[in-house]
Structures are given as structure tokens and as C-alpha cells.
Amino acid sequence: MVTGFSRSISLPLSPRRSSKNSSAASYHIRSVSLPCRSHPLISHLEEQIQAVRSWAANADGSSSWIETGLFQIETLLMAIKEFLHRSQTQEILCHAISTEGLLDDVLLLADIYGSFVSAIVTLKQHQAEVQSAIRRADKICLVSALRSQRHVEKETAQLAMCLKNVSKCRSLGFASGASEVEIAGILVEAVNATAVASVAVFSGVAAMSATTSSTKTWSTMRSFKKLACNSLTKNNVSDDDEFSIVEKLEEFEMCIRNVETCSERVFRRLINLRVSLLNISTPTL
């Protein structure tokens, strides 16, 4: 049995090679609106796909929305893993042409989530530096920390773009029969929904400093920057105001920690999912 993997990829994703079997009928992704299949696991998986898509379609940019999205993604990945434990699923995927495509897609998602977790860890460090600079009234350190934060936000936006490009052209190539169409079809739909929702999560994090609302933790960083600079130059900002800035930044850092925890769980789910697919495709190892 496979217990891990060591493959790595380079971003952005290069186009996947087309199948040599040009005579086979091309695969068409099904809609989750189709009637439920006979097995309850299929119905459950379709429900989770719909839940993730509904979450992504109702974006509000708040920290709670992002955390909910990561929870929905993790729940969907758990449903995929459960579906892979189904004997009929394993029998079909063991010889299915589409299994290799699923392996590549899950590896890509895991690789990008690994980069996202690293970016969140770095962002958390920069937030600690911002708070420290405000407490010490160190304008140079504050400017440096905020500049570093903007760099991380750009990296996160780039990760979202990579996933967006993948979700647009995600394909399973060719299916060998009706059973593979049904089994592989719902799996590729689930992976696609994961990619689309992940784009929304990454974009929400990357855009947190671009908004102007002061009522949402994820959208107040630009206001924090202005208030912090005023406090450092003593422009009519009281000690209470400065304390409020630090308090809000600490609250913001807590949100980052929550996202870090949720993202790490999603990353581990993706790793385990890929191991399951490898074990199905290479049962004799």
C-alpha cells in the first residue's frame, strides 16, 4: 500500500496531454441537478458538491465566510474519500483511463494548498511584526511589515489564478464505459467544485487589504494602516485609539490562525485522498 507521495509540480500547470485514443467518446461532466443515483454515497457526495458551490456563489468576504468555505471544502473531501472506499468505485477506477487525471488534479490541489498554508503562516508572522511596530512606535518596521504583507497577498492571488485556470479546463479525457462515466463523472465534479471553492477562499484572503469596510475583520487592514501611521506621528490619536488598533490587529491575527488551522486540515485531506487514489490504481504495491 502507498503511504505517501514525493511528486512535485511547477506552477502554473502546463496543459495536459491529450489522449491517443481519438476514437473514444469524450467525457462530459454531469450536472449535480441530475436525479440521485441508487447508492446513498453518491447522493451524499452530490449534496456536498452542491453545498460547496452554493457557498462559493454567496461570497461576502468576511472571515467567517472564508472559514465556513474551508470547512465545506474539508467536508466535501471527506465525502470523496468515503466514496472511494466503495467497492464498485475501486473496481472501476482500478482500470479506468480517467484515474490518472484525477491523481494529477488532486496532486495539484495538494501542492497549491501547501503553498497557501505557507503563505498564511508568513502573513501571521507579518501581522505580529505590525503589532510589535505599533507598540514600539517604530514606523520603519511598520512600513516594512506592511510591504511584506502586500507581497504575500500577491502570492496568494497568484495561487488563486493557478487554480482558476485549472478549474476552467479540467477534464477527464475519455471514459471507457457507462460505469466509468458515472463514477468518474461525479468524482471530477467534486474535484472541480473543490477547485472553484478554493479560488474563492484564496481570492478572499488576497483581497482583505483592498476593502474599506471597518466592520469586517478581513476587510479593515487598509484602515489599520492609516490609523497606525497616525498613532506613530501623534496626529490627534489618543492612547485609547492606539490600544484599539492593537486590539483589532490581535483579533485579525486570530482569524489568520483559524484559517491556517482549517487550511492545514484541507491539505492533509488532499494528501490522504491522493494516497487512496494511488492505492486504487496500484493495488499490488
Protein backbone atom coordinates (compact mmCIF):
# COMPACT_ATOMS: atom_id res chain seq x y z
CA MET A 1 0.00 0.00 0.00
CA VAL A 2 1.13 3.53 -0.74
CA THR A 3 1.60 5.67 2.36
CA GLY A 4 2.66 8.94 0.79
CA PHE A 5 3.98 10.62 -2.30
CA SER A 6 7.02 12.61 -3.28
CA ARG A 7 5.94 14.10 -6.59
CA SER A 8 6.11 17.83 -7.00
CA ILE A 9 4.92 20.19 -9.69
CA SER A 10 5.78 23.58 -11.01
CA LEU A 11 3.16 26.32 -11.34
CA PRO A 12 1.41 27.30 -13.47
CA LEU A 13 0.09 24.00 -14.68
CA SER A 14 1.09 23.04 -18.18
CA PRO A 15 -1.66 21.73 -20.49
CA ARG A 16 -2.41 18.05 -20.04
CA ARG A 17 -1.51 15.70 -22.86
CA SER A 18 -4.47 14.67 -24.97
CA SER A 19 -5.44 11.02 -25.14
CA LYS A 20 -4.19 8.95 -28.04
CA ASN A 21 -7.44 7.09 -28.24
CA SER A 22 -9.14 9.51 -30.61
CA SER A 23 -11.89 7.06 -31.43
CA ALA A 24 -13.30 7.01 -27.91
CA ALA A 25 -16.21 9.19 -26.98
CA SER A 26 -15.19 12.24 -24.98
CA TYR A 27 -16.33 12.57 -21.38
CA HIS A 28 -18.99 15.12 -20.48
CA ILE A 29 -19.25 16.42 -16.92
CA ARG A 30 -22.67 15.84 -15.41
CA SER A 31 -24.72 18.40 -13.59
CA VAL A 32 -25.43 17.94 -9.90
CA SER A 33 -29.05 18.67 -10.70
CA LEU A 34 -29.50 15.19 -12.19
CA PRO A 35 -31.61 12.71 -10.19
CA CYS A 36 -29.88 11.00 -7.28
CA ARG A 37 -28.21 7.69 -8.09
CA SER A 38 -29.17 4.44 -6.40
CA HIS A 39 -26.32 4.37 -3.88
CA PRO A 40 -26.68 6.73 -0.88
CA LEU A 41 -22.97 7.67 -1.03
CA ILE A 42 -23.50 9.11 -4.50
CA SER A 43 -26.43 11.17 -3.27
CA HIS A 44 -24.39 12.35 -0.27
CA LEU A 45 -21.46 13.35 -2.48
CA GLU A 46 -23.72 15.30 -4.81
CA GLU A 47 -25.22 17.12 -1.82
CA GLN A 48 -21.76 18.15 -0.64
CA ILE A 49 -20.85 19.34 -4.13
CA GLN A 50 -23.97 21.49 -4.21
CA ALA A 51 -23.23 22.86 -0.73
CA VAL A 52 -19.73 23.94 -1.76
CA ARG A 53 -20.97 25.56 -4.95
CA SER A 54 -23.74 27.38 -3.07
CA TRP A 55 -21.20 28.73 -0.56
CA ALA A 56 -18.93 30.00 -3.35
CA ALA A 57 -21.86 31.69 -5.07
CA ASN A 58 -22.74 33.71 -1.95
CA ALA A 59 -19.47 35.47 -1.22
CA ASP A 60 -19.35 38.25 1.38
CA GLY A 61 -15.59 38.43 2.01
CA SER A 62 -15.84 38.07 5.79
CA SER A 63 -13.52 35.94 7.88
CA SER A 64 -16.41 33.71 8.96
CA TRP A 65 -17.36 33.18 5.31
CA ILE A 66 -13.81 32.11 4.45
CA GLU A 67 -13.62 29.76 7.43
CA THR A 68 -17.01 28.28 6.52
CA GLY A 69 -15.78 27.73 2.98
CA LEU A 70 -12.73 25.83 4.18
CA PHE A 71 -14.97 23.71 6.40
CA GLN A 72 -17.26 22.97 3.43
CA ILE A 73 -14.26 22.02 1.30
CA GLU A 74 -12.98 19.67 4.00
CA THR A 75 -16.42 18.08 4.32
CA LEU A 76 -16.55 17.53 0.56
CA LEU A 77 -13.11 15.90 0.58
CA MET A 78 -14.27 13.58 3.37
CA ALA A 79 -17.26 12.61 1.23
CA ILE A 80 -14.94 11.89 -1.71
CA LYS A 81 -12.75 9.69 0.48
CA GLU A 82 -15.81 7.79 1.71
CA PHE A 83 -16.98 7.34 -1.87
CA LEU A 84 -13.58 5.89 -2.83
CA HIS A 85 -14.00 3.21 -0.15
CA ARG A 86 -16.98 1.87 -2.09
CA SER A 87 -16.01 -1.46 -3.71
CA GLN A 88 -17.69 -0.64 -7.02
CA THR A 89 -15.80 2.66 -7.17
CA GLN A 90 -12.48 0.91 -6.60
CA GLU A 91 -13.19 -1.78 -9.19
CA ILE A 92 -13.96 0.80 -11.86
CA LEU A 93 -11.17 3.25 -11.07
CA CYS A 94 -8.60 0.46 -10.87
CA HIS A 95 -8.63 0.17 -14.67
CA ALA A 96 -10.19 3.50 -15.64
CA ILE A 97 -8.39 5.81 -18.04
CA SER A 98 -9.65 8.77 -16.02
CA THR A 99 -7.90 7.77 -12.78
CA GLU A 100 -4.58 9.29 -13.85
CA GLY A 101 -6.29 12.61 -14.46
CA LEU A 102 -7.85 12.53 -11.01
CA LEU A 103 -4.45 11.78 -9.47
CA ASP A 104 -2.92 14.77 -11.24
CA ASP A 105 -5.76 17.06 -10.21
CA VAL A 106 -5.60 16.08 -6.55
CA LEU A 107 -1.82 16.43 -6.56
CA LEU A 108 -2.14 19.92 -7.97
CA LEU A 109 -4.68 20.89 -5.32
CA ALA A 110 -2.47 19.50 -2.57
CA ASP A 111 0.58 21.31 -3.91
CA ILE A 112 -1.23 24.64 -4.09
CA TYR A 113 -2.74 24.22 -0.63
CA GLY A 114 0.72 23.52 0.71
CA SER A 115 1.83 26.86 -0.74
CA PHE A 116 -1.28 28.56 0.64
CA VAL A 117 -0.64 27.28 4.16
CA SER A 118 2.93 28.59 3.93
CA ALA A 119 1.62 31.97 2.79
CA ILE A 120 -0.80 32.14 5.72
CA VAL A 121 1.99 31.30 8.17
CA THR A 122 4.09 34.10 6.68
CA LEU A 123 1.16 36.51 6.84
CA LYS A 124 0.68 35.66 10.50
CA GLN A 125 4.32 36.48 11.15
CA HIS A 126 3.99 39.84 9.41
CA GLN A 127 0.92 40.65 11.47
CA ALA A 128 2.91 40.02 14.63
CA GLU A 129 5.56 42.39 13.29
CA VAL A 130 2.91 45.05 12.62
CA GLN A 131 1.64 44.82 16.19
CA SER A 132 5.16 44.97 17.56
CA ALA A 133 5.96 48.05 15.45
CA ILE A 134 2.84 49.84 16.69
CA ARG A 135 3.63 49.08 20.33
CA ARG A 136 7.21 50.32 19.89
CA ALA A 137 6.17 53.27 17.69
CA ASP A 138 8.65 52.03 15.08
CA LYS A 139 7.49 53.48 11.79
CA ILE A 140 10.30 51.90 9.75
CA CYS A 141 9.44 48.41 10.97
CA LEU A 142 5.74 49.06 10.42
CA VAL A 143 6.26 50.11 6.80
CA SER A 144 8.49 47.08 6.21
CA ALA A 145 5.95 44.66 7.71
CA LEU A 146 3.08 46.11 5.67
CA ARG A 147 5.16 45.91 2.50
CA SER A 148 5.91 42.26 3.20
CA GLN A 149 2.23 41.65 3.82
CA ARG A 150 1.35 43.06 0.40
CA HIS A 151 3.88 40.70 -1.16
CA VAL A 152 2.19 37.71 0.49
CA GLU A 153 -1.20 38.91 -0.72
CA LYS A 154 0.12 38.98 -4.30
CA GLU A 155 1.42 35.43 -3.92
CA THR A 156 -1.97 34.30 -2.64
CA ALA A 157 -3.71 35.95 -5.59
CA GLN A 158 -1.36 34.12 -7.94
CA LEU A 159 -2.29 30.80 -6.33
CA ALA A 160 -5.95 31.63 -6.92
CA MET A 161 -5.23 32.35 -10.58
CA CYS A 162 -3.47 29.00 -10.99
CA LEU A 163 -6.48 27.15 -9.59
CA LYS A 164 -8.87 29.25 -11.67
CA ASN A 165 -7.07 28.24 -14.86
CA VAL A 166 -7.23 24.59 -13.84
CA SER A 167 -10.93 24.70 -12.98
CA LYS A 168 -11.72 26.18 -16.39
CA CYS A 169 -10.12 23.37 -18.37
CA ARG A 170 -10.47 20.44 -16.01
CA SER A 171 -11.10 17.28 -18.00
CA LEU A 172 -11.07 13.52 -17.54
CA GLY A 173 -10.27 12.79 -21.16
CA PHE A 174 -12.06 9.63 -22.31
CA ALA A 175 -14.27 7.20 -20.44
CA SER A 176 -14.31 3.52 -21.39
CA GLY A 177 -17.91 2.80 -20.44
CA ALA A 178 -21.11 3.92 -18.77
CA SER A 179 -19.97 2.85 -15.31
CA GLU A 180 -16.81 4.90 -15.58
CA VAL A 181 -18.83 7.85 -16.84
CA GLU A 182 -20.99 7.74 -13.72
CA ILE A 183 -18.28 7.03 -11.15
CA ALA A 184 -15.52 9.18 -12.59
CA GLY A 185 -18.05 11.83 -13.54
CA ILE A 186 -19.12 12.62 -10.00
CA LEU A 187 -15.51 12.49 -8.81
CA VAL A 188 -14.32 15.02 -11.36
CA GLU A 189 -17.31 17.17 -10.48
CA ALA A 190 -16.31 17.04 -6.82
CA VAL A 191 -12.69 17.91 -7.59
CA ASN A 192 -13.85 20.76 -9.81
CA ALA A 193 -16.09 22.11 -7.04
CA THR A 194 -13.13 21.93 -4.66
CA ALA A 195 -11.00 23.96 -7.06
CA VAL A 196 -13.70 26.59 -7.62
CA ALA A 197 -14.33 27.00 -3.89
CA SER A 198 -10.60 27.20 -3.22
CA VAL A 199 -10.31 30.04 -5.73
CA ALA A 200 -12.94 31.90 -3.71
CA VAL A 201 -11.06 31.27 -0.45
CA PHE A 202 -7.69 32.37 -1.82
CA SER A 203 -9.18 35.42 -3.51
CA GLY A 204 -10.94 36.41 -0.29
CA VAL A 205 -7.69 36.28 1.65
CA ALA A 206 -5.74 38.13 -1.03
CA ALA A 207 -8.34 40.91 -1.21
CA MET A 208 -8.53 41.55 2.54
CA SER A 209 -6.50 44.78 2.39
CA ALA A 210 -8.31 46.15 -0.65
CA THR A 211 -11.66 46.71 1.00
CA THR A 212 -12.57 49.80 3.04
CA SER A 213 -15.22 48.45 5.44
CA SER A 214 -14.30 48.75 9.10
CA THR A 215 -16.93 46.28 10.31
CA LYS A 216 -15.33 43.11 8.99
CA THR A 217 -12.06 41.80 10.33
CA TRP A 218 -10.83 40.64 6.94
CA SER A 219 -11.52 43.98 5.27
CA THR A 220 -10.04 46.56 7.64
CA MET A 221 -6.31 46.31 7.06
CA ARG A 222 -6.16 49.48 4.97
CA SER A 223 -7.85 51.43 7.78
CA PHE A 224 -5.46 49.87 10.26
CA LYS A 225 -2.52 51.12 8.21
CA LYS A 226 -3.82 54.71 8.24
CA LEU A 227 -4.58 54.65 11.96
CA ALA A 228 -1.24 53.09 12.79
CA CYS A 229 0.67 55.77 10.87
CA ASN A 230 -1.36 58.48 12.61
CA SER A 231 -0.58 56.99 16.00
CA LEU A 232 3.11 56.88 15.22
CA THR A 233 3.16 60.54 14.15
CA LYS A 234 0.93 61.55 17.11
CA ASN A 235 -1.69 63.15 14.87
CA ASN A 236 -4.51 63.59 17.38
CA VAL A 237 -4.72 59.89 18.23
CA SER A 238 -5.29 59.10 21.90
CA ASP A 239 -3.80 56.19 23.83
CA ASP A 240 -7.23 54.55 23.77
CA ASP A 241 -7.28 54.73 19.98
CA GLU A 242 -3.83 53.17 19.77
CA PHE A 243 -4.91 50.39 22.12
CA SER A 244 -7.95 49.81 19.92
CA ILE A 245 -5.71 49.41 16.88
CA VAL A 246 -3.60 46.78 18.62
CA GLU A 247 -6.70 45.00 19.91
CA LYS A 248 -8.22 44.79 16.42
CA LEU A 249 -4.94 43.59 14.94
CA GLU A 250 -4.79 40.84 17.55
CA GLU A 251 -8.33 39.85 16.62
CA PHE A 252 -7.29 39.81 12.97
CA GLU A 253 -4.32 37.61 13.79
CA MET A 254 -6.67 35.16 15.50
CA CYS A 255 -8.69 34.95 12.28
CA ILE A 256 -5.50 34.18 10.37
CA ARG A 257 -4.74 31.40 12.84
CA ASN A 258 -8.18 29.91 12.28
CA VAL A 259 -7.69 29.98 8.52
CA GLU A 260 -4.26 28.40 8.97
CA THR A 261 -5.76 25.56 11.00
CA CYS A 262 -8.59 24.97 8.52
CA SER A 263 -6.23 25.09 5.54
CA GLU A 264 -3.86 22.59 7.13
CA ARG A 265 -6.77 20.19 7.60
CA VAL A 266 -7.78 20.57 3.95
CA PHE A 267 -4.17 20.00 2.91
CA ARG A 268 -3.99 16.76 4.91
CA ARG A 269 -7.31 15.60 3.43
CA LEU A 270 -5.92 16.14 -0.06
CA ILE A 271 -2.77 14.19 0.76
CA ASN A 272 -4.83 11.29 2.11
CA LEU A 273 -7.15 11.45 -0.89
CA ARG A 274 -4.25 11.15 -3.30
CA VAL A 275 -2.86 8.19 -1.35
CA SER A 276 -6.26 6.49 -1.63
CA LEU A 277 -6.31 7.03 -5.39
CA LEU A 278 -2.77 5.68 -5.69
CA ASN A 279 -3.72 2.58 -3.72
CA ILE A 280 -6.70 2.01 -6.00
CA SER A 281 -4.67 2.41 -9.19
CA THR A 282 -1.75 0.30 -7.89
CA PRO A 283 -3.38 -2.38 -5.71
CA THR A 284 -0.49 -4.85 -5.96
CA LEU A 285 2.11 -2.49 -4.46
